[in-house]
């Protein structure tokens, strides 16, 4: 635990020292450049882009006539009845098979409580 707290304290001290030196160090005086010859680029030359003429409506030359053998839609589906099942027939429940106990029922252990 002491290593972590020591390393944290060292990091904080370094960061504070860095901030302090950056804040309190005197800035360098501005460098004055002479107003001598400065090469400049020529102004851009405007070149107009060619524009397309507005679209002109051209009516169709002849009307659309569908071919006589052409069927544009599918024929309606043919109804095919599905075979139905007969209604269920009621069958009364049967008594479950219960085997008869072996031996006599009057034994002393038959009705004893455990």
N, C-alpha and C. Protein backbone atom coordinates (compact mmCIF):
# COMPACT_ATOMS: atom_id res chain seq x y z
N UNK A 1 0.82 -1.19 0.00
CA UNK A 1 0.00 0.00 0.00
C UNK A 1 0.87 1.25 0.00
N UNK A 2 2.01 1.16 0.64
CA UNK A 2 2.88 2.35 0.70
C UNK A 2 3.48 2.65 -0.66
N UNK A 3 3.68 1.60 -1.46
CA UNK A 3 4.24 1.84 -2.81
C UNK A 3 3.23 2.61 -3.66
N UNK A 4 1.97 2.24 -3.56
CA UNK A 4 0.95 2.93 -4.35
C UNK A 4 0.81 4.38 -3.93
N UNK A 5 0.77 4.62 -2.63
CA UNK A 5 0.60 6.01 -2.17
C UNK A 5 1.84 6.84 -2.49
N UNK A 6 3.03 6.23 -2.41
CA UNK A 6 4.26 6.95 -2.75
C UNK A 6 4.30 7.29 -4.23
N UNK A 7 3.94 6.31 -5.07
CA UNK A 7 3.98 6.58 -6.51
C UNK A 7 2.91 7.61 -6.90
N UNK A 8 1.78 7.59 -6.22
CA UNK A 8 0.75 8.60 -6.49
C UNK A 8 1.25 9.99 -6.09
N UNK A 9 1.92 10.09 -4.97
CA UNK A 9 2.44 11.38 -4.52
C UNK A 9 3.50 11.90 -5.49
N UNK A 10 4.35 11.00 -6.00
CA UNK A 10 5.38 11.42 -6.96
C UNK A 10 4.74 11.92 -8.24
N UNK A 11 3.72 11.20 -8.71
CA UNK A 11 3.03 11.64 -9.94
C UNK A 11 2.39 13.00 -9.76
N UNK A 12 1.76 13.22 -8.60
CA UNK A 12 1.14 14.53 -8.36
C UNK A 12 2.19 15.65 -8.30
N UNK A 13 3.33 15.38 -7.67
CA UNK A 13 4.38 16.40 -7.61
C UNK A 13 4.92 16.74 -8.99
N UNK A 14 5.13 15.70 -9.82
CA UNK A 14 5.62 15.97 -11.18
C UNK A 14 4.60 16.76 -11.99
N UNK A 15 3.33 16.43 -11.85
CA UNK A 15 2.33 17.16 -12.62
C UNK A 15 2.23 18.61 -12.14
N UNK A 16 2.32 18.84 -10.83
CA UNK A 16 2.28 20.21 -10.33
C UNK A 16 3.52 20.99 -10.78
N UNK A 17 4.68 20.34 -10.79
CA UNK A 17 5.90 21.03 -11.23
C UNK A 17 5.82 21.38 -12.71
N UNK A 18 5.25 20.49 -13.50
CA UNK A 18 5.11 20.77 -14.94
C UNK A 18 4.17 21.94 -15.17
N UNK A 19 3.07 21.96 -14.44
CA UNK A 19 2.12 23.07 -14.61
C UNK A 19 2.75 24.39 -14.15
N UNK A 20 3.47 24.35 -13.04
CA UNK A 20 4.07 25.58 -12.52
C UNK A 20 5.12 26.12 -13.47
N UNK A 21 5.96 25.28 -14.03
CA UNK A 21 6.99 25.79 -14.95
C UNK A 21 6.36 26.32 -16.22
N UNK A 22 5.29 25.70 -16.68
CA UNK A 22 4.64 26.20 -17.90
C UNK A 22 3.95 27.53 -17.63
N UNK A 23 3.40 27.70 -16.43
CA UNK A 23 2.66 28.91 -16.12
C UNK A 23 3.57 30.09 -15.80
N UNK A 24 4.66 29.85 -15.06
CA UNK A 24 5.50 30.94 -14.60
C UNK A 24 6.70 31.22 -15.48
N UNK A 25 6.96 30.42 -16.48
CA UNK A 25 8.14 30.69 -17.32
C UNK A 25 7.85 31.90 -18.21
N UNK A 26 8.82 32.77 -18.37
CA UNK A 26 8.58 33.96 -19.22
C UNK A 26 8.45 33.52 -20.67
N UNK A 27 7.49 34.12 -21.35
CA UNK A 27 7.29 33.77 -22.76
C UNK A 27 8.35 34.46 -23.61
N UNK A 28 8.67 33.86 -24.70
CA UNK A 28 9.69 34.45 -25.59
C UNK A 28 9.10 35.69 -26.25
N UNK A 29 9.92 36.71 -26.47
CA UNK A 29 9.39 37.92 -27.11
C UNK A 29 8.94 37.60 -28.53
N UNK A 30 7.96 38.30 -29.03
CA UNK A 30 7.48 38.01 -30.39
C UNK A 30 8.56 38.33 -31.42
N UNK A 31 8.62 37.49 -32.41
CA UNK A 31 9.62 37.67 -33.47
C UNK A 31 9.00 38.58 -34.52
N UNK A 32 9.71 39.67 -34.84
CA UNK A 32 9.22 40.63 -35.82
C UNK A 32 9.75 40.25 -37.20
N UNK A 33 8.83 40.12 -38.14
CA UNK A 33 9.25 39.82 -39.50
C UNK A 33 9.14 41.09 -40.33
N UNK A 34 10.09 41.24 -41.17
CA UNK A 34 10.09 42.44 -42.00
C UNK A 34 8.97 42.35 -43.03
N UNK A 35 8.52 43.52 -43.45
CA UNK A 35 7.44 43.58 -44.42
C UNK A 35 8.00 43.51 -45.83
N UNK A 36 8.93 42.63 -46.04
CA UNK A 36 9.56 42.51 -47.35
C UNK A 36 8.65 41.80 -48.34
N UNK A 37 9.26 41.16 -49.27
CA UNK A 37 8.52 40.50 -50.36
C UNK A 37 7.85 39.25 -49.82
N UNK A 38 6.54 39.15 -50.03
CA UNK A 38 5.80 37.96 -49.65
C UNK A 38 5.21 37.36 -50.93
N UNK A 39 5.61 36.17 -51.25
CA UNK A 39 5.01 35.57 -52.45
C UNK A 39 3.55 35.22 -52.17
N UNK A 40 2.68 35.63 -53.04
CA UNK A 40 1.25 35.33 -52.88
C UNK A 40 0.77 34.58 -54.10
N UNK A 41 -0.23 33.86 -53.90
CA UNK A 41 -0.83 33.11 -55.02
C UNK A 41 -1.73 34.04 -55.81
N UNK A 42 -1.82 33.84 -57.11
CA UNK A 42 -2.75 34.67 -57.89
C UNK A 42 -4.18 34.32 -57.50
N UNK A 43 -5.09 35.26 -57.69
CA UNK A 43 -6.48 34.96 -57.34
C UNK A 43 -7.01 33.83 -58.22
N UNK A 44 -7.89 33.03 -57.70
CA UNK A 44 -8.40 31.92 -58.50
C UNK A 44 -9.21 32.42 -59.69
N UNK A 45 -9.08 31.72 -60.76
CA UNK A 45 -9.80 32.10 -61.99
C UNK A 45 -11.12 31.35 -61.99
N UNK A 46 -12.20 32.09 -62.20
CA UNK A 46 -13.52 31.48 -62.21
C UNK A 46 -13.76 30.82 -63.56
N UNK A 47 -14.04 29.53 -63.51
CA UNK A 47 -14.35 28.79 -64.73
C UNK A 47 -15.77 28.29 -64.58
N UNK A 48 -16.69 28.82 -65.37
CA UNK A 48 -18.09 28.38 -65.22
C UNK A 48 -18.24 26.92 -65.69
N UNK A 49 -19.05 26.19 -64.97
CA UNK A 49 -19.30 24.80 -65.34
C UNK A 49 -20.42 24.77 -66.36
N UNK A 50 -20.31 23.89 -67.33
CA UNK A 50 -21.40 23.81 -68.32
C UNK A 50 -22.66 23.25 -67.66
N UNK A 51 -23.78 23.85 -67.96
CA UNK A 51 -25.04 23.40 -67.38
C UNK A 51 -25.82 22.63 -68.43
N UNK A 52 -26.61 21.69 -67.98
CA UNK A 52 -27.43 20.90 -68.88
C UNK A 52 -28.70 21.68 -69.21
N UNK A 53 -29.19 21.52 -70.40
CA UNK A 53 -30.46 22.19 -70.72
C UNK A 53 -31.60 21.52 -69.96
N UNK A 54 -32.69 22.24 -69.73
CA UNK A 54 -33.81 21.62 -69.00
C UNK A 54 -34.38 20.45 -69.81
N UNK A 55 -34.92 19.44 -69.14
CA UNK A 55 -35.45 18.30 -69.87
C UNK A 55 -36.68 18.68 -70.70
N UNK A 56 -36.79 18.08 -71.82
CA UNK A 56 -37.90 18.36 -72.73
C UNK A 56 -38.80 17.14 -72.75
N UNK A 57 -40.11 17.34 -72.57
CA UNK A 57 -41.05 16.23 -72.59
C UNK A 57 -41.27 15.77 -74.02
N UNK A 58 -41.11 14.49 -74.22
CA UNK A 58 -41.41 13.91 -75.53
C UNK A 58 -42.53 12.91 -75.34
N UNK A 59 -43.68 13.13 -75.97
CA UNK A 59 -44.81 12.22 -75.80
C UNK A 59 -44.50 10.87 -76.45
N UNK A 60 -45.13 9.80 -75.99
CA UNK A 60 -44.88 8.51 -76.60
C UNK A 60 -45.36 8.48 -78.04
N UNK A 61 -44.70 7.67 -78.83
CA UNK A 61 -45.03 7.65 -80.26
C UNK A 61 -46.30 6.86 -80.54
N UNK A 62 -46.51 5.70 -79.90
CA UNK A 62 -47.76 4.95 -80.10
C UNK A 62 -48.21 4.39 -78.75
N UNK A 63 -49.50 4.24 -78.56
CA UNK A 63 -49.99 3.76 -77.26
C UNK A 63 -49.63 2.29 -77.03
N UNK A 64 -49.59 1.93 -75.76
CA UNK A 64 -49.25 0.56 -75.39
C UNK A 64 -50.48 -0.33 -75.57
N UNK A 65 -50.32 -1.39 -76.34
CA UNK A 65 -51.39 -2.36 -76.55
C UNK A 65 -50.86 -3.72 -76.09
N UNK A 66 -51.52 -4.35 -75.09
CA UNK A 66 -51.02 -5.65 -74.66
C UNK A 66 -51.22 -6.72 -75.73
N UNK A 67 -50.36 -7.70 -75.70
CA UNK A 67 -50.46 -8.80 -76.67
C UNK A 67 -51.70 -9.63 -76.35
N UNK A 68 -52.34 -10.21 -77.36
CA UNK A 68 -53.57 -10.96 -77.09
C UNK A 68 -53.33 -12.23 -76.26
N UNK A 69 -52.22 -12.88 -76.39
CA UNK A 69 -51.97 -14.11 -75.64
C UNK A 69 -51.36 -13.86 -74.28
N UNK A 70 -51.10 -12.65 -73.95
CA UNK A 70 -50.43 -12.33 -72.69
C UNK A 70 -51.44 -12.22 -71.57
N UNK A 71 -51.21 -12.95 -70.45
CA UNK A 71 -52.08 -12.86 -69.28
C UNK A 71 -51.30 -12.15 -68.17
N UNK A 72 -51.67 -10.93 -67.83
CA UNK A 72 -50.87 -10.20 -66.85
C UNK A 72 -51.05 -10.70 -65.42
N UNK A 73 -52.18 -11.38 -65.10
CA UNK A 73 -52.40 -11.82 -63.73
C UNK A 73 -52.55 -13.33 -63.68
N UNK A 74 -52.36 -13.87 -62.51
CA UNK A 74 -52.54 -15.30 -62.32
C UNK A 74 -54.03 -15.62 -62.21
N UNK A 75 -54.42 -16.81 -62.64
CA UNK A 75 -55.84 -17.16 -62.47
C UNK A 75 -56.15 -17.34 -60.99
N UNK A 76 -57.42 -17.22 -60.61
CA UNK A 76 -57.75 -17.39 -59.19
C UNK A 76 -57.46 -18.82 -58.75
N UNK A 77 -57.11 -19.01 -57.50
CA UNK A 77 -56.78 -20.36 -57.05
C UNK A 77 -58.01 -21.26 -57.04
N UNK A 78 -57.80 -22.51 -57.34
CA UNK A 78 -58.89 -23.48 -57.37
C UNK A 78 -59.06 -24.04 -55.96
N UNK A 79 -60.30 -24.04 -55.49
CA UNK A 79 -60.56 -24.52 -54.13
C UNK A 79 -60.60 -26.04 -54.14
N UNK A 80 -59.75 -26.64 -53.33
CA UNK A 80 -59.74 -28.09 -53.19
C UNK A 80 -60.10 -28.39 -51.75
N UNK A 81 -61.27 -28.99 -51.50
CA UNK A 81 -61.65 -29.25 -50.11
C UNK A 81 -60.77 -30.36 -49.52
N UNK A 82 -60.41 -30.17 -48.27
CA UNK A 82 -59.61 -31.15 -47.58
C UNK A 82 -60.54 -32.18 -46.93
N UNK A 83 -60.12 -33.42 -46.86
CA UNK A 83 -60.99 -34.42 -46.23
C UNK A 83 -61.10 -34.12 -44.73
N UNK A 84 -62.32 -34.23 -44.23
CA UNK A 84 -62.54 -33.95 -42.82
C UNK A 84 -62.60 -35.24 -42.03
N UNK A 85 -62.22 -35.16 -40.78
CA UNK A 85 -62.28 -36.32 -39.91
C UNK A 85 -63.67 -36.43 -39.31
N UNK A 86 -64.12 -37.66 -39.05
CA UNK A 86 -65.44 -37.78 -38.40
C UNK A 86 -65.35 -37.26 -36.97
N UNK A 87 -66.47 -36.86 -36.39
CA UNK A 87 -66.40 -36.36 -35.00
C UNK A 87 -65.96 -37.48 -34.07
N UNK A 88 -65.29 -37.13 -32.97
CA UNK A 88 -64.81 -38.18 -32.06
C UNK A 88 -65.96 -38.89 -31.37
N UNK A 89 -65.77 -40.16 -31.13
CA UNK A 89 -66.79 -40.97 -30.47
C UNK A 89 -66.42 -41.05 -28.99
N UNK A 90 -67.44 -40.85 -28.14
CA UNK A 90 -67.18 -40.88 -26.69
C UNK A 90 -67.00 -42.32 -26.23
N UNK A 91 -65.92 -42.53 -25.53
CA UNK A 91 -65.69 -43.84 -24.91
C UNK A 91 -65.58 -43.61 -23.42
N UNK A 92 -66.45 -44.27 -22.64
CA UNK A 92 -66.39 -44.06 -21.19
C UNK A 92 -65.09 -44.60 -20.63
N UNK A 93 -64.60 -43.99 -19.55
CA UNK A 93 -63.34 -44.47 -18.99
C UNK A 93 -63.50 -45.85 -18.36
N UNK A 94 -62.42 -46.58 -18.39
CA UNK A 94 -62.43 -47.91 -17.78
C UNK A 94 -61.77 -47.82 -16.42
N UNK A 95 -62.13 -48.75 -15.55
CA UNK A 95 -61.54 -48.76 -14.22
C UNK A 95 -60.10 -49.22 -14.31
N UNK A 96 -59.18 -48.56 -13.62
CA UNK A 96 -57.79 -48.99 -13.68
C UNK A 96 -57.61 -50.33 -12.97
N UNK A 97 -56.63 -51.05 -13.40
CA UNK A 97 -56.34 -52.36 -12.78
C UNK A 97 -55.60 -52.13 -11.48
N UNK A 98 -56.16 -52.68 -10.41
CA UNK A 98 -55.54 -52.60 -9.10
C UNK A 98 -55.32 -54.03 -8.63
N UNK A 99 -54.07 -54.45 -8.45
CA UNK A 99 -53.85 -55.84 -8.02
C UNK A 99 -54.33 -56.05 -6.57
N UNK A 100 -54.81 -57.23 -6.33
CA UNK A 100 -55.30 -57.55 -4.99
C UNK A 100 -54.10 -57.81 -4.10
N UNK A 101 -54.15 -57.38 -2.82
CA UNK A 101 -53.02 -57.62 -1.92
C UNK A 101 -52.84 -59.11 -1.65
N UNK A 102 -51.61 -59.49 -1.50
CA UNK A 102 -51.28 -60.89 -1.23
C UNK A 102 -51.32 -61.10 0.27
N UNK A 103 -51.92 -62.16 0.73
CA UNK A 103 -51.97 -62.45 2.16
C UNK A 103 -53.22 -61.90 2.80
N UNK A 104 -53.34 -62.06 4.07
CA UNK A 104 -54.53 -61.59 4.77
C UNK A 104 -54.37 -60.12 5.16
N UNK A 105 -55.48 -59.41 5.27
CA UNK A 105 -55.45 -57.99 5.62
C UNK A 105 -55.54 -57.79 7.12
N UNK A 106 -55.65 -58.87 7.89
CA UNK A 106 -55.81 -58.73 9.34
C UNK A 106 -54.48 -58.93 10.06
N UNK A 107 -53.38 -58.74 9.42
CA UNK A 107 -52.11 -58.88 10.08
C UNK A 107 -51.87 -57.69 10.99
N UNK A 108 -51.11 -57.84 12.06
CA UNK A 108 -50.91 -56.72 12.99
C UNK A 108 -50.09 -55.58 12.37
N UNK A 109 -49.27 -55.83 11.39
CA UNK A 109 -48.44 -54.78 10.77
C UNK A 109 -49.19 -54.01 9.68
N UNK A 110 -50.33 -54.47 9.23
CA UNK A 110 -51.04 -53.85 8.12
C UNK A 110 -51.54 -52.46 8.49
N UNK A 111 -52.05 -52.27 9.73
CA UNK A 111 -52.59 -50.98 10.12
C UNK A 111 -51.77 -50.27 11.16
N UNK A 112 -50.53 -50.67 11.34
CA UNK A 112 -49.71 -50.03 12.37
C UNK A 112 -49.18 -48.70 11.85
N UNK A 113 -49.05 -47.77 12.74
CA UNK A 113 -48.51 -46.46 12.38
C UNK A 113 -47.00 -46.47 12.58
N UNK A 114 -46.31 -45.95 11.67
CA UNK A 114 -44.85 -45.92 11.77
C UNK A 114 -44.39 -44.63 12.36
